[in-house]
Structure formats: structure tokens, C-alpha cells
């Protein structure tokens, strides 16, 4: 008797994805660092990491050769996806094809690489990818061309333009993000959370709301969210979590405080989108240690992160 289709969609696929994530876990910090250098803010960086992992997992089924360098594979997927996203936003964006002979640069000192990485977000997308791949992460020109689906000549041209632009620029503060949520709703959500009032929490979510424990769980609709992530966070988490509204780069967010070894520390950051008088979207960054670290350091809050997955996985 064949397995039911529902099992294929859940247990079998989930197990394969878990094995994939476990294998590439040591590469996650560097992948995040690369994605953070490409994008303009911490949230877009985490989105790019998750999209990269999803695409890499899906594309492996179509690869008919041995992937001997998973790091290069992930960087290639991240680069191509990011350029595709930027192209979609800018219909007239095209990869440059002009050939320019440029001498092979010497490796940059570590402190210079860090400075370049911090400034690279000010460059146009193609120049940004070229400078990061070559000057910060040390890939060869041939590898850069492959990851960018371009030519060596085009990469040299992009490097020339990017380096010239960086030489003239000073570091700028990160862009302020527009508020995505009604702060009165956010305060009501925190109040209901701290009162352990699950029904009131669910009532603040729209009937067609979505929620995601980033990289782990997706939920659709108020009932799924109430019986899933909300119930687990309110009643099943150790450490008596409490919610507090904070502001990060102009955006209202929620931090969750937990008791760990007698101290109150942050272990999760939540983002919301409100619409039609209720919460339309909720994202938990519980399993995003790099994102949690950047946000809590900016806010001056103590952090204990949770790794990339549940301990039992």
C-alpha cells in the first residue's frame, strides 16, 4: 500500500529539509553576514537568508552533479536570488556586459574588508554583489562571474565602478523604516500577552492573518495562530515570557523577556503588520540568532539566543 499524499507533504519533506538545514548549519553565520551586506536592513537580510535556504533546498533536487562546495553553492543561490529581486523592483536594471581589463587586486586586510562590507550597501546591486564576493569574501573573478550569471569582464567592470564609488563615500546611518503597525494595537497585544489572555490575543489578529516562526513554522488564519504559536509562546515556554514594545530604527517591535538562570533576558523579537483594525501578520525571530543579536545590541538589551532550531530537531 502506498503512503498517503498528505504524509509526503509533511513528514517526508519535513525530515529531508531538517537534514539539509542540519548539514549546512555551520555555514549560516557567514551566509547571514553576506546577505546582511547585500541588503539595507536586518529584516531584509533575514528574508534573503530564508529565501536562499528554501531555494537551495529546492534546487538540489535538480542538480545532477556533486555539490562539493556548499558554501559556494549557497552564495551563488543568494546572489542570483537577490539580483532577481532587485531586477523585479527595477524593470530597467540589467547586468553590465562591458569588458574592462583590471589588475587582479591583492587581498584586503581584515579591517579594510569590514569597512568595505559596511559601506557596500550604498552601491547599486551589481556593483554591490561584485565587491562583496571578490573583496570581502575572497571569491575568484571566475566564481564571481558564475554566481552573478555574468562574465569575468563584466565583473571587472562592476568592481572598478564599485571600488571607485566606495573611495568617495562615507558611512551613512541605516535608513529609517516606516512604521508597519498601529502602536495602540501593539500595546493592546502586549497587555493581553502579559495577562496570558489567549482569546484576547487571538481577537487582535484578523481572521485571515498569517504568522511565521521564521525558518520553522508558518500559520494561516486566526485559529491556527491561536492554537499554534500563540498558545505555545504564552503557556508552554519556560521562563515566564513577558512582552514589551520597543522601537528599532523607527519601527515599533515587540521583545519577549524570559527568566534564564535568575536573570531577565530577551530571547525573541516580534514584528507585526496591522490592517483593517487588526493584526494582519506576525513574525517571530526566535530561531534567527544573527538578527536577534543585531537588534538587541542596537537596543542595548541582554540576549540569550536559541540557535537555529528546537533542540530535538
Protein backbone atom coordinates (compact mmCIF):
# COMPACT_ATOMS: atom_id res chain seq x y z
CA UNK A 1 0.00 0.00 0.00
CA UNK A 2 1.37 3.41 -0.94
CA UNK A 3 1.80 6.17 1.60
CA UNK A 4 -0.97 8.81 1.63
CA UNK A 5 -0.11 12.02 -0.21
CA UNK A 6 -0.60 14.03 3.00
CA UNK A 7 2.30 12.17 4.63
CA UNK A 8 4.58 13.02 1.70
CA UNK A 9 3.68 16.67 2.11
CA UNK A 10 4.50 16.66 5.81
CA UNK A 11 6.67 14.01 7.45
CA UNK A 12 8.85 13.01 4.49
CA UNK A 13 9.54 16.50 3.19
CA UNK A 14 9.99 17.91 6.68
CA UNK A 15 12.57 15.26 7.51
CA UNK A 16 14.54 15.93 4.32
CA UNK A 17 14.52 19.68 4.95
CA UNK A 18 15.62 19.17 8.56
CA UNK A 19 18.56 17.04 7.42
CA UNK A 20 19.52 19.70 4.88
CA UNK A 21 19.40 22.51 7.48
CA UNK A 22 21.40 20.46 9.97
CA UNK A 23 24.14 19.86 7.41
CA UNK A 24 24.54 23.50 6.37
CA UNK A 25 24.15 24.98 9.87
CA UNK A 26 27.89 25.76 10.25
CA UNK A 27 27.62 27.99 7.17
CA UNK A 28 24.68 30.02 8.46
CA UNK A 29 26.63 32.82 10.21
CA UNK A 30 28.70 33.60 7.11
CA UNK A 31 25.67 33.33 4.84
CA UNK A 32 23.85 35.82 7.06
CA UNK A 33 26.86 38.15 7.00
CA UNK A 34 26.86 38.09 3.20
CA UNK A 35 23.10 38.66 2.96
CA UNK A 36 23.32 41.46 5.52
CA UNK A 37 25.98 43.15 3.40
CA UNK A 38 23.78 42.89 0.32
CA UNK A 39 20.62 44.24 1.91
CA UNK A 40 19.88 47.56 3.57
CA UNK A 41 18.45 46.33 6.87
CA UNK A 42 18.41 43.38 9.22
CA UNK A 43 14.90 42.24 8.26
CA UNK A 44 15.64 42.06 4.53
CA UNK A 45 18.85 40.19 5.36
CA UNK A 46 16.95 37.51 7.28
CA UNK A 47 14.40 37.28 4.45
CA UNK A 48 17.23 36.76 1.98
CA UNK A 49 18.79 34.06 4.16
CA UNK A 50 15.49 32.20 4.43
CA UNK A 51 14.76 32.55 0.70
CA UNK A 52 18.26 31.31 -0.07
CA UNK A 53 17.87 28.24 2.13
CA UNK A 54 14.49 27.47 0.61
CA UNK A 55 15.73 27.87 -2.95
CA UNK A 56 18.93 25.93 -2.29
CA UNK A 57 16.95 23.04 -0.81
CA UNK A 58 14.52 23.03 -3.73
CA UNK A 59 17.19 23.34 -6.43
CA UNK A 60 19.26 20.45 -5.08
CA UNK A 61 16.65 18.07 -6.47
CA UNK A 62 17.51 19.31 -9.99
CA UNK A 63 21.30 19.16 -9.59
CA UNK A 64 22.86 16.24 -11.44
CA UNK A 65 26.39 16.72 -10.14
CA UNK A 66 28.02 16.56 -6.75
CA UNK A 67 27.91 19.85 -4.82
CA UNK A 68 31.43 19.73 -3.40
CA UNK A 69 31.42 23.29 -2.04
CA UNK A 70 28.17 24.01 -0.15
CA UNK A 71 29.43 27.48 0.86
CA UNK A 72 29.88 28.49 -2.78
CA UNK A 73 26.52 26.92 -3.66
CA UNK A 74 24.68 28.96 -1.02
CA UNK A 75 26.45 32.18 -2.01
CA UNK A 76 25.53 31.58 -5.63
CA UNK A 77 21.86 30.99 -4.81
CA UNK A 78 21.80 34.07 -2.56
CA UNK A 79 23.44 36.28 -5.20
CA UNK A 80 21.17 35.18 -8.04
CA UNK A 81 18.02 35.48 -5.96
CA UNK A 82 18.93 38.91 -4.65
CA UNK A 83 19.74 40.26 -8.12
CA UNK A 84 16.44 38.81 -9.39
CA UNK A 85 14.58 40.60 -6.59
CA UNK A 86 16.28 43.91 -7.36
CA UNK A 87 15.61 43.47 -11.08
CA UNK A 88 11.94 42.90 -10.36
CA UNK A 89 11.88 46.20 -8.48
CA UNK A 90 13.76 48.00 -11.22
CA UNK A 91 12.49 46.88 -14.59
CA UNK A 92 15.28 48.66 -16.41
CA UNK A 93 18.13 47.08 -14.40
CA UNK A 94 20.48 44.91 -16.46
CA UNK A 95 23.79 43.25 -15.74
CA UNK A 96 26.67 45.15 -17.39
CA UNK A 97 28.48 43.45 -20.28
CA UNK A 98 31.20 45.99 -20.95
CA UNK A 99 34.68 44.46 -20.70
CA UNK A 100 37.29 46.31 -18.73
CA UNK A 101 40.76 44.99 -18.08
CA UNK A 102 41.65 45.45 -14.41
CA UNK A 103 44.59 44.07 -12.47
CA UNK A 104 43.91 41.27 -10.02
CA UNK A 105 43.67 43.01 -6.61
CA UNK A 106 45.70 41.95 -3.61
CA UNK A 107 43.75 40.56 -0.62
CA UNK A 108 42.46 43.30 1.63
CA UNK A 109 43.45 43.47 5.31
CA UNK A 110 40.73 42.30 7.67
CA UNK A 111 39.83 45.75 8.96
CA UNK A 112 39.54 47.05 5.39
CA UNK A 113 37.25 44.17 4.42
CA UNK A 114 34.98 45.02 7.34
CA UNK A 115 34.85 48.68 6.30
CA UNK A 116 34.04 47.71 2.72
CA UNK A 117 31.28 45.39 3.91
CA UNK A 118 29.72 48.20 5.98
CA UNK A 119 29.79 50.63 3.07
CA UNK A 120 28.75 48.23 0.31
CA UNK A 121 25.02 48.73 0.90
CA UNK A 122 25.34 52.18 -0.70
CA UNK A 123 26.28 50.67 -4.08
CA UNK A 124 23.95 49.65 -6.91
CA UNK A 125 23.07 45.93 -6.82
CA UNK A 126 25.53 44.53 -9.36
CA UNK A 127 28.49 46.55 -8.05
CA UNK A 128 27.50 45.60 -4.51
CA UNK A 129 27.50 41.87 -5.27
CA UNK A 130 30.81 42.09 -7.15
CA UNK A 131 32.62 44.00 -4.40
CA UNK A 132 31.29 41.76 -1.63
CA UNK A 133 32.03 38.49 -3.39
CA UNK A 134 35.51 39.50 -4.53
CA UNK A 135 36.89 41.93 -1.95
CA UNK A 136 35.11 40.82 1.23
CA UNK A 137 34.53 37.09 0.83
CA UNK A 138 37.51 36.35 -1.38
CA UNK A 139 35.96 34.50 -4.33
CA UNK A 140 37.83 34.42 -7.63
CA UNK A 141 36.72 36.52 -10.61
CA UNK A 142 35.59 33.32 -12.34
CA UNK A 143 33.50 32.32 -9.33
CA UNK A 144 32.00 35.81 -9.08
CA UNK A 145 31.00 35.69 -12.73
CA UNK A 146 29.33 32.33 -12.20
CA UNK A 147 27.43 33.42 -9.11
CA UNK A 148 26.27 36.62 -10.82
CA UNK A 149 25.41 34.87 -14.09
CA UNK A 150 27.71 37.30 -15.86
CA UNK A 151 31.17 37.38 -17.45
CA UNK A 152 34.61 37.96 -15.97
CA UNK A 153 34.85 41.19 -17.95
CA UNK A 154 31.54 42.41 -16.59
CA UNK A 155 32.60 41.57 -13.04
CA UNK A 156 35.84 43.53 -13.52
CA UNK A 157 33.84 46.49 -14.76
CA UNK A 158 31.47 46.27 -11.79
CA UNK A 159 34.43 46.03 -9.41
CA UNK A 160 36.03 49.09 -10.99
CA UNK A 161 32.86 51.14 -10.60
CA UNK A 162 32.13 49.85 -7.10
CA UNK A 163 35.62 50.49 -5.75
CA UNK A 164 35.68 53.97 -7.24
CA UNK A 165 32.32 54.78 -5.65
CA UNK A 166 33.36 53.42 -2.25
CA UNK A 167 36.52 55.52 -2.31
CA UNK A 168 34.35 58.65 -2.44
CA UNK A 169 31.71 57.70 0.13
CA UNK A 170 31.43 57.95 3.88
CA UNK A 171 29.44 55.62 6.05
CA UNK A 172 25.82 56.67 6.44
CA UNK A 173 23.40 55.76 9.25
CA UNK A 174 20.94 52.96 8.44
CA UNK A 175 17.73 54.00 6.77
CA UNK A 176 14.72 54.55 8.99
CA UNK A 177 11.99 52.01 8.28
CA UNK A 178 8.36 53.14 8.06
CA UNK A 179 6.06 52.02 10.84
CA UNK A 180 4.10 48.94 9.76
CA UNK A 181 1.84 48.60 12.76
CA UNK A 182 -0.57 50.65 14.84
CA UNK A 183 1.14 51.21 18.19
CA UNK A 184 -2.20 51.18 20.06
CA UNK A 185 -2.83 47.68 18.71
CA UNK A 186 0.71 46.69 19.64
CA UNK A 187 0.25 47.93 23.21
CA UNK A 188 -3.04 46.02 23.44
CA UNK A 189 -1.27 42.89 22.17
CA UNK A 190 1.47 43.22 24.82
CA UNK A 191 -1.11 43.79 27.55
CA UNK A 192 -3.08 40.68 26.51
CA UNK A 193 0.12 38.63 26.26
CA UNK A 194 1.28 39.61 29.75
CA UNK A 195 -2.19 38.83 31.13
CA UNK A 196 -1.98 35.37 29.49
CA UNK A 197 -5.31 36.12 27.79
CA UNK A 198 -5.13 33.86 24.74
CA UNK A 199 -8.62 34.68 23.47
CA UNK A 200 -7.97 38.42 23.60
CA UNK A 201 -4.63 37.90 21.82
CA UNK A 202 -6.33 35.92 19.09
CA UNK A 203 -9.06 38.51 18.86
CA UNK A 204 -6.49 41.14 17.92
CA UNK A 205 -5.48 39.03 14.90
CA UNK A 206 -7.51 39.32 11.70
CA UNK A 207 -9.44 36.23 10.66
CA UNK A 208 -7.17 35.83 7.62
CA UNK A 209 -3.95 36.76 9.43
CA UNK A 210 -0.67 34.96 8.83
CA UNK A 211 2.14 34.16 11.26
CA UNK A 212 5.62 32.69 10.89
CA UNK A 213 8.25 31.41 13.26
CA UNK A 214 10.89 32.45 10.75
CA UNK A 215 12.58 29.47 9.16
CA UNK A 216 10.50 26.98 11.13
CA UNK A 217 6.68 27.25 11.10
CA UNK A 218 4.05 29.04 9.02
CA UNK A 219 0.46 29.53 10.12
CA UNK A 220 -2.60 30.74 8.23
CA UNK A 221 -5.71 32.16 9.85
CA UNK A 222 -6.62 33.29 13.35
CA UNK A 223 -7.48 29.83 14.70
CA UNK A 224 -4.22 28.24 13.52
CA UNK A 225 -2.21 31.08 15.05
CA UNK A 226 -4.18 30.92 18.33
CA UNK A 227 -3.82 27.16 18.72
CA UNK A 228 -0.23 27.08 17.45
CA UNK A 229 2.43 29.72 18.05
CA UNK A 230 0.40 31.92 20.41
CA UNK A 231 -0.64 29.06 22.67
CA UNK A 232 2.89 27.65 22.71
CA UNK A 233 4.52 31.01 23.50
CA UNK A 234 2.02 32.02 26.18
CA UNK A 235 1.62 28.71 28.02
CA UNK A 236 4.37 26.25 27.02
CA UNK A 237 7.55 28.32 27.05
CA UNK A 238 9.74 28.17 30.16
CA UNK A 239 10.98 31.38 31.73
CA UNK A 240 7.67 33.27 32.14
CA UNK A 241 7.88 35.32 28.93
CA UNK A 242 6.63 38.90 29.00
CA UNK A 243 6.15 41.26 26.08
CA UNK A 244 7.42 44.83 25.82
CA UNK A 245 7.04 47.32 22.99
CA UNK A 246 10.28 48.86 21.78
CA UNK A 247 11.34 50.91 18.78
CA UNK A 248 14.05 49.80 16.38
CA UNK A 249 15.12 52.23 13.62
CA UNK A 250 11.79 53.98 13.84
CA UNK A 251 9.72 50.79 13.71
CA UNK A 252 7.64 49.60 16.68
CA UNK A 253 8.52 46.00 17.56
CA UNK A 254 7.94 43.64 20.49
CA UNK A 255 10.70 42.00 22.51
CA UNK A 256 9.95 38.96 24.66
CA UNK A 257 11.74 38.76 28.01
CA UNK A 258 12.46 35.42 29.69
CA UNK A 259 13.94 34.37 33.01
CA UNK A 260 17.20 32.49 32.42
CA UNK A 261 19.34 31.49 35.41
CA UNK A 262 17.77 34.16 37.59
CA UNK A 263 18.14 36.99 35.06
CA UNK A 264 15.66 38.59 32.68
CA UNK A 265 16.94 38.42 29.10
CA UNK A 266 15.49 38.80 25.62
CA UNK A 267 15.04 35.59 23.62
CA UNK A 268 12.69 36.71 20.86
CA UNK A 269 11.82 39.72 18.72
CA UNK A 270 8.43 40.03 17.03
CA UNK A 271 7.34 42.18 14.10
CA UNK A 272 3.76 42.93 13.15
CA UNK A 273 1.77 44.38 10.29
CA UNK A 274 -1.64 45.85 11.11
CA UNK A 275 -4.51 46.37 8.68
CA UNK A 276 -8.27 46.86 8.85
CA UNK A 277 -8.16 47.46 12.60
CA UNK A 278 -6.31 44.24 13.48
CA UNK A 279 -3.03 42.39 13.18
CA UNK A 280 -2.57 41.04 9.67
CA UNK A 281 0.88 39.48 10.03
CA UNK A 282 3.15 38.32 12.85
CA UNK A 283 6.76 37.16 12.59
CA UNK A 284 8.78 35.60 15.40
CA UNK A 285 12.59 35.76 15.01
CA UNK A 286 13.17 33.17 17.77
CA UNK A 287 15.44 30.99 15.60
CA UNK A 288 17.35 33.82 13.91
CA UNK A 289 20.38 34.34 16.19
CA UNK A 290 22.18 36.85 13.95
CA UNK A 291 19.06 39.00 13.61
CA UNK A 292 18.37 38.84 17.34
CA UNK A 293 21.96 39.83 18.10
CA UNK A 294 21.91 42.87 15.80
CA UNK A 295 18.57 44.16 17.09
CA UNK A 296 19.27 43.64 20.81
CA UNK A 297 22.75 45.14 20.56
CA UNK A 298 21.29 48.24 18.92
CA UNK A 299 18.74 48.48 21.74
CA UNK A 300 21.28 47.70 24.48
CA UNK A 301 19.35 44.64 25.70
CA UNK A 302 20.74 41.36 27.11
CA UNK A 303 20.23 38.37 24.81
CA UNK A 304 20.23 34.61 25.09
CA UNK A 305 19.66 33.18 21.63
CA UNK A 306 18.02 29.86 20.80
CA UNK A 307 20.15 28.61 17.92
CA UNK A 308 18.60 27.76 14.58
CA UNK A 309 16.14 25.06 15.63
CA UNK A 310 14.49 23.24 18.51
CA UNK A 311 16.98 21.04 20.44
CA UNK A 312 15.05 17.90 19.48
CA UNK A 313 15.49 18.53 15.77
